[in-house]
Protein backbone atom coordinates (compact mmCIF):
# COMPACT_ATOMS: atom_id res chain seq x y z
CA GLU A 1 -66.30 123.32 -289.27
CA GLU A 2 -63.01 122.34 -287.64
CA TRP A 3 -63.01 118.85 -289.10
CA TYR A 4 -64.32 119.51 -292.61
CA PRO A 5 -61.00 120.67 -294.16
CA SER A 6 -59.33 117.46 -292.98
CA ALA A 7 -62.14 115.31 -294.38
CA LYS A 8 -62.01 117.20 -297.67
CA SER A 9 -58.24 116.67 -297.90
CA ALA A 10 -58.70 112.94 -297.33
CA ILE A 11 -61.24 112.75 -300.16
CA ARG A 12 -58.93 114.72 -302.46
CA PHE A 13 -56.15 112.25 -301.65
CA MET A 14 -58.44 109.45 -302.84
CA PHE A 15 -58.98 111.30 -306.10
CA ALA A 16 -55.24 110.90 -306.69
CA VAL A 17 -55.50 107.11 -306.22
CA ASP A 18 -57.52 106.95 -309.46
CA LYS A 19 -54.65 106.77 -311.94
CA ASP A 20 -56.65 105.57 -314.97
CA GLY A 21 -59.32 108.27 -314.68
CA ASP A 22 -62.33 105.95 -314.46
CA GLY A 23 -63.58 107.58 -311.25
CA LEU A 24 -62.74 104.53 -309.11
CA PRO A 25 -59.83 104.07 -306.68
CA ASP A 26 -57.27 101.66 -308.12
CA VAL A 27 -56.34 98.50 -306.25
CA HIS A 28 -52.85 97.02 -306.48
CA GLY A 29 -51.87 93.77 -304.80
CA GLY A 30 -53.08 93.92 -301.21
CA ASN A 31 -53.65 97.68 -300.78
CA HIS A 32 -57.27 97.11 -299.74
CA TYR A 33 -59.01 95.57 -296.75
CA LEU A 34 -59.47 92.13 -298.37
CA ASP A 35 -55.71 91.97 -298.71
CA GLY A 36 -55.68 88.17 -298.93
CA TRP A 37 -56.38 88.59 -302.63
CA PRO A 38 -53.76 90.14 -304.93
CA MET A 39 -56.05 92.36 -307.02
CA GLU A 40 -55.47 94.84 -309.81
CA GLY A 41 -57.63 97.54 -311.37
CA ALA A 42 -61.15 98.07 -310.01
CA ALA A 43 -62.79 96.03 -307.23
CA PRO A 44 -66.43 96.20 -306.07
CA HIS A 45 -65.80 96.22 -302.30
CA VAL A 46 -63.60 99.30 -302.74
CA SER A 47 -65.74 100.84 -305.48
CA SER A 48 -69.13 100.58 -303.75
CA TYR A 49 -67.53 101.91 -300.56
CA TRP A 50 -66.19 104.81 -302.63
CA LEU A 51 -69.63 105.65 -304.02
CA ALA A 52 -70.99 105.87 -300.47
CA THR A 53 -68.02 108.03 -299.50
CA LEU A 54 -68.69 110.45 -302.34
CA LYS A 55 -72.33 110.73 -301.26
CA VAL A 56 -71.23 111.64 -297.74
CA ALA A 57 -68.58 114.08 -298.98
CA GLU A 58 -71.13 115.82 -301.21
CA ARG A 59 -73.55 116.23 -298.30
CA MET A 60 -70.79 117.58 -296.04
CA ALA A 61 -69.75 120.06 -298.71
CA GLU A 62 -73.32 121.27 -299.15
CA LYS A 63 -73.72 121.79 -295.39
CA GLN A 64 -70.48 123.79 -295.39
CA GLY A 65 -71.57 125.89 -298.37
CA ASP A 66 -68.74 124.48 -300.48
CA SER A 67 -70.72 124.24 -303.71
CA ALA A 68 -67.66 123.71 -305.90
CA PHE A 69 -66.52 120.64 -304.00
CA ALA A 70 -70.08 119.30 -303.81
CA GLU A 71 -70.32 119.53 -307.59
CA GLU A 72 -66.95 117.82 -307.98
CA CYS A 73 -68.15 114.94 -305.81
CA ARG A 74 -71.35 114.65 -307.86
CA SER A 75 -69.37 114.60 -311.10
CA ARG A 76 -66.97 111.96 -309.85
CA TYR A 77 -69.88 109.91 -308.50
CA ALA A 78 -71.53 109.89 -311.94
CA LYS A 79 -68.31 108.70 -313.60
CA ALA A 80 -67.66 106.09 -310.90
CA SER A 81 -71.20 104.70 -311.21
CA GLN A 82 -70.79 104.23 -314.95
CA SER A 83 -67.37 102.62 -314.52
CA ILE A 84 -68.61 100.08 -311.97
CA GLU A 85 -71.28 98.87 -314.35
CA ARG A 86 -69.00 98.88 -317.37
CA LYS A 87 -65.94 97.30 -315.76
CA LEU A 88 -67.28 95.05 -313.02
CA TRP A 89 -70.80 93.81 -313.75
CA ASN A 90 -70.83 90.14 -314.75
CA PRO A 91 -74.25 89.23 -316.21
CA ARG A 92 -73.28 85.57 -316.69
CA VAL A 93 -73.00 85.06 -312.93
CA GLY A 94 -75.31 87.81 -311.71
CA SER A 95 -72.60 89.45 -309.63
CA TYR A 96 -69.90 92.07 -309.77
CA LEU A 97 -66.43 90.73 -310.60
CA LEU A 98 -64.00 90.36 -307.72
CA TYR A 99 -61.67 92.69 -309.63
CA ASN A 100 -60.90 93.70 -313.20
CA ASP A 101 -57.83 95.35 -314.67
CA THR A 102 -58.84 96.33 -318.20
CA ALA A 103 -55.28 97.39 -319.07
CA SER A 104 -53.73 93.96 -318.43
CA GLY A 105 -56.84 91.83 -318.86
CA LYS A 106 -56.36 90.32 -315.41
CA LYS A 107 -59.66 89.71 -313.64
CA SER A 108 -61.60 87.32 -311.45
CA ASP A 109 -65.28 86.35 -311.43
CA THR A 110 -65.20 85.08 -307.84
CA VAL A 111 -68.37 86.16 -305.99
CA VAL A 112 -67.55 88.16 -302.85
CA CYS A 113 -70.29 89.21 -300.42
CA ASP A 114 -68.48 92.47 -299.62
CA GLN A 115 -69.45 93.85 -303.03
CA LEU A 116 -72.51 95.37 -301.28
CA ILE A 117 -70.67 97.05 -298.41
CA GLY A 118 -71.07 100.53 -299.93
CA GLU A 119 -74.78 99.87 -300.25
CA MET A 120 -74.91 99.09 -296.52
CA HIS A 121 -73.10 102.27 -295.51
CA ALA A 122 -75.20 104.45 -297.80
CA ARG A 123 -78.46 103.11 -296.42
CA LEU A 124 -77.43 103.34 -292.78
CA LEU A 125 -76.47 106.97 -293.43
CA GLY A 126 -79.87 107.81 -294.88
CA PHE A 127 -79.23 107.55 -298.62
CA SER A 128 -81.38 105.46 -300.92
CA GLY A 129 -78.42 103.38 -302.08
CA VAL A 130 -75.48 103.59 -304.48
CA LEU A 131 -75.95 100.62 -306.81
CA PRO A 132 -78.81 100.12 -309.30
CA PRO A 133 -81.72 98.45 -307.45
CA LYS A 134 -82.07 95.77 -310.12
CA ARG A 135 -78.40 94.89 -309.74
CA VAL A 136 -78.74 94.71 -305.96
CA ARG A 137 -81.66 92.28 -306.20
CA THR A 138 -79.72 90.11 -308.63
CA VAL A 139 -76.64 90.10 -306.41
CA LEU A 140 -78.69 89.17 -303.34
CA ALA A 141 -80.14 86.17 -305.19
CA THR A 142 -76.65 85.13 -306.30
CA LEU A 143 -75.24 85.46 -302.79
CA GLU A 144 -78.10 83.36 -301.42
CA ARG A 145 -77.47 80.67 -304.04
CA LEU A 146 -73.70 80.54 -303.55
CA ASN A 147 -72.43 82.22 -300.37
CA VAL A 148 -75.32 81.42 -298.03
CA ALA A 149 -76.09 77.95 -299.34
CA THR A 150 -72.52 76.72 -298.73
CA THR A 151 -72.61 77.14 -294.92
CA PRO A 152 -75.30 76.82 -292.23
CA TYR A 153 -73.52 79.33 -289.99
CA GLY A 154 -73.85 82.66 -291.79
CA ILE A 155 -72.53 83.74 -295.15
CA ARG A 156 -69.31 82.72 -296.81
CA LEU A 157 -67.02 85.58 -297.78
CA ALA A 158 -66.41 84.34 -301.32
CA THR A 159 -67.03 81.45 -303.67
CA ARG A 160 -66.35 80.61 -307.26
CA PRO A 161 -69.39 80.80 -309.61
CA ASP A 162 -69.69 76.99 -309.39
CA GLY A 163 -69.72 77.11 -305.58
CA GLY A 164 -66.11 76.02 -305.24
CA GLU A 165 -63.21 77.65 -303.41
CA ASP A 166 -61.16 80.51 -304.80
CA THR A 167 -57.55 79.32 -304.52
CA GLU A 168 -56.08 82.65 -305.61
CA GLY A 169 -56.74 84.25 -302.22
CA PHE A 170 -56.74 82.69 -298.76
CA TYR A 171 -60.02 84.32 -297.62
CA SER A 172 -62.35 82.19 -299.73
CA PRO A 173 -63.02 79.33 -297.24
CA PHE A 174 -63.90 81.70 -294.38
CA MET A 175 -66.62 83.93 -292.99
CA ILE A 176 -66.19 87.35 -291.36
CA PRO A 177 -68.89 87.72 -288.67
CA SER A 178 -69.05 91.52 -288.69
CA TYR A 179 -68.88 93.80 -291.73
CA SER A 180 -69.13 91.13 -294.45
CA THR A 181 -72.10 89.47 -292.78
CA LEU A 182 -73.82 92.70 -291.77
CA ALA A 183 -73.38 94.28 -295.21
CA VAL A 184 -75.47 91.59 -296.86
CA ALA A 185 -77.98 91.28 -294.03
CA THR A 186 -78.54 95.03 -293.83
CA VAL A 187 -79.19 95.32 -297.55
CA MET A 188 -81.54 92.34 -297.41
CA LEU A 189 -83.54 93.95 -294.61
CA ARG A 190 -83.93 97.11 -296.73
CA SER A 191 -85.31 95.05 -299.60
CA ALA A 192 -88.99 95.18 -300.48
CA ASP A 193 -88.92 91.39 -300.87
CA PRO A 194 -90.19 89.64 -297.69
CA HIS A 195 -88.01 86.64 -298.51
CA PHE A 196 -84.82 88.68 -298.33
CA LYS A 197 -85.96 90.47 -295.18
CA LYS A 198 -86.40 87.11 -293.48
CA LEU A 199 -83.12 85.79 -294.83
CA GLY A 200 -81.20 88.87 -293.64
CA LEU A 201 -82.39 88.28 -290.07
CA GLU A 202 -81.61 84.58 -290.35
CA ILE A 203 -78.04 85.19 -291.55
CA VAL A 204 -77.28 87.31 -288.49
CA ARG A 205 -79.06 84.88 -286.15
CA ARG A 206 -77.04 81.96 -287.50
CA THR A 207 -73.78 83.88 -287.23
CA TRP A 208 -74.11 85.04 -283.63
CA HIS A 209 -75.88 81.87 -282.43
CA ASN A 210 -72.91 79.91 -283.68
CA LEU A 211 -70.38 82.25 -282.03
CA VAL A 212 -72.10 82.84 -278.69
CA ILE A 213 -74.20 79.71 -278.09
CA ARG A 214 -72.66 76.93 -280.15
CA GLN A 215 -68.99 77.94 -279.80
CA ASN A 216 -69.29 79.73 -276.42
CA MET A 217 -67.35 82.78 -277.67
CA ALA A 218 -69.34 85.76 -276.39
CA TRP A 219 -66.35 88.12 -276.02
CA ASP A 220 -63.43 86.55 -277.87
CA HIS A 221 -64.62 86.17 -281.43
CA PRO A 222 -62.17 85.00 -284.10
CA CYS A 223 -61.30 87.28 -286.98
CA MET A 224 -62.29 84.52 -289.39
CA VAL A 225 -64.70 81.60 -288.98
CA ASN A 226 -64.59 78.36 -290.97
CA VAL A 227 -67.63 77.33 -293.00
CA ASP A 228 -68.27 74.59 -290.42
CA GLY A 229 -68.64 77.32 -287.77
CA THR A 230 -65.38 76.67 -285.93
CA ARG A 231 -62.68 79.24 -285.16
CA ALA A 232 -60.31 79.79 -288.07
CA TRP A 233 -57.78 82.36 -286.83
CA GLY A 234 -57.36 85.78 -285.28
CA LEU A 235 -59.08 87.52 -282.38
CA GLU A 236 -61.53 90.39 -282.92
CA TYR A 237 -63.86 91.97 -280.38
CA TYR A 238 -65.16 94.53 -282.89
CA HIS A 239 -67.64 91.98 -284.27
CA ASP A 240 -69.79 92.74 -281.21
CA THR A 241 -69.44 96.50 -281.57
CA MET A 242 -70.37 96.36 -285.26
CA LEU A 243 -73.45 94.34 -284.39
CA TRP A 244 -74.90 97.51 -282.83
CA ALA A 245 -75.41 98.88 -286.33
CA PHE A 246 -77.85 96.10 -287.12
CA PRO A 247 -80.86 97.41 -285.11
CA MET A 248 -80.97 100.36 -287.51
CA ALA A 249 -81.62 97.95 -290.35
CA VAL A 250 -84.18 95.98 -288.34
CA LEU A 251 -86.04 99.18 -287.43
CA GLY A 252 -85.78 100.57 -290.96
CA GLN A 253 -83.98 103.64 -289.63
CA ASP A 254 -80.66 105.42 -290.19
CA VAL A 255 -77.99 107.02 -288.02
CA HIS A 256 -79.88 110.28 -287.69
CA SER A 257 -83.16 108.76 -286.59
CA VAL A 258 -81.67 106.33 -284.05
CA CYS A 259 -79.64 109.18 -282.52
CA SER A 260 -82.55 111.63 -282.38
CA PRO A 261 -84.46 112.39 -279.15
CA GLY A 262 -86.71 109.45 -278.40
CA GLY A 263 -84.76 107.26 -280.82
CA PHE A 264 -83.37 103.78 -280.30
CA ILE A 265 -80.14 104.83 -278.58
CA GLU A 266 -81.91 107.10 -276.10
CA ARG A 267 -84.41 104.36 -275.31
CA VAL A 268 -81.58 101.89 -274.62
CA ARG A 269 -79.86 104.39 -272.31
CA ARG A 270 -83.08 105.11 -270.45
CA ALA A 271 -83.77 101.41 -270.00
CA ALA A 272 -80.23 100.86 -268.72
CA GLY A 273 -80.66 103.73 -266.27
CA ARG A 274 -83.89 102.31 -264.91
CA SER A 275 -82.33 98.91 -264.43
CA GLN A 276 -79.65 100.38 -262.18
CA LYS A 277 -82.10 102.04 -259.79
């Protein structure tokens, strides 16, 4: 009850970031977390994240009895869902565009694995998903063909539709061990397709085996990793902390179930307690 007004204000601020009224936050230059690309208009890593955010905001509003704000979130979610499909889906490649500014015509069809990050968050928070299931399956197949096939050490952040490097942004040749990798792997593990379930586990195994065993970097992971598995640049410990979200996907559970009495977290704590006695 103390925190809800602040969260609601933050969501309302994001409403103001949608200047063209399509229901999606606008990106300009590097005002997003993949700031190595100068983007304009709508972008799938921001847009899918936004859909998951609206789902959470709606649920919070309902629990607080704020029916008006819950309805506003539902309405904006409906518009945002339509806009993502209309503005960003690229049937020729089987992927969402990297970004698209319909006003200027500036866009990119580079395939980025972070386009599914909102899907990951939604599923870990107990929602069924935010993107059409058929689209998700198509994107997973495209990512396997392009982003996974171009490195034996995880999943490449982005490639061109022909498998080449995107020279517009400096992130294309790299891999991000945490959220970019886990977003794809988590969604794969939630798939009904046994092939994708197996591949999701393998992507994470390859990533952390390379970091911890092959490169001997258990605690000092780089921010970015080259496609040959070597350190690119930066220093990030949070890759290890984000990895703790992955057991939820492996177990087919969400935040609520793993935090419940008798859940995964309690079992880990009990095991740790026994080991100290």
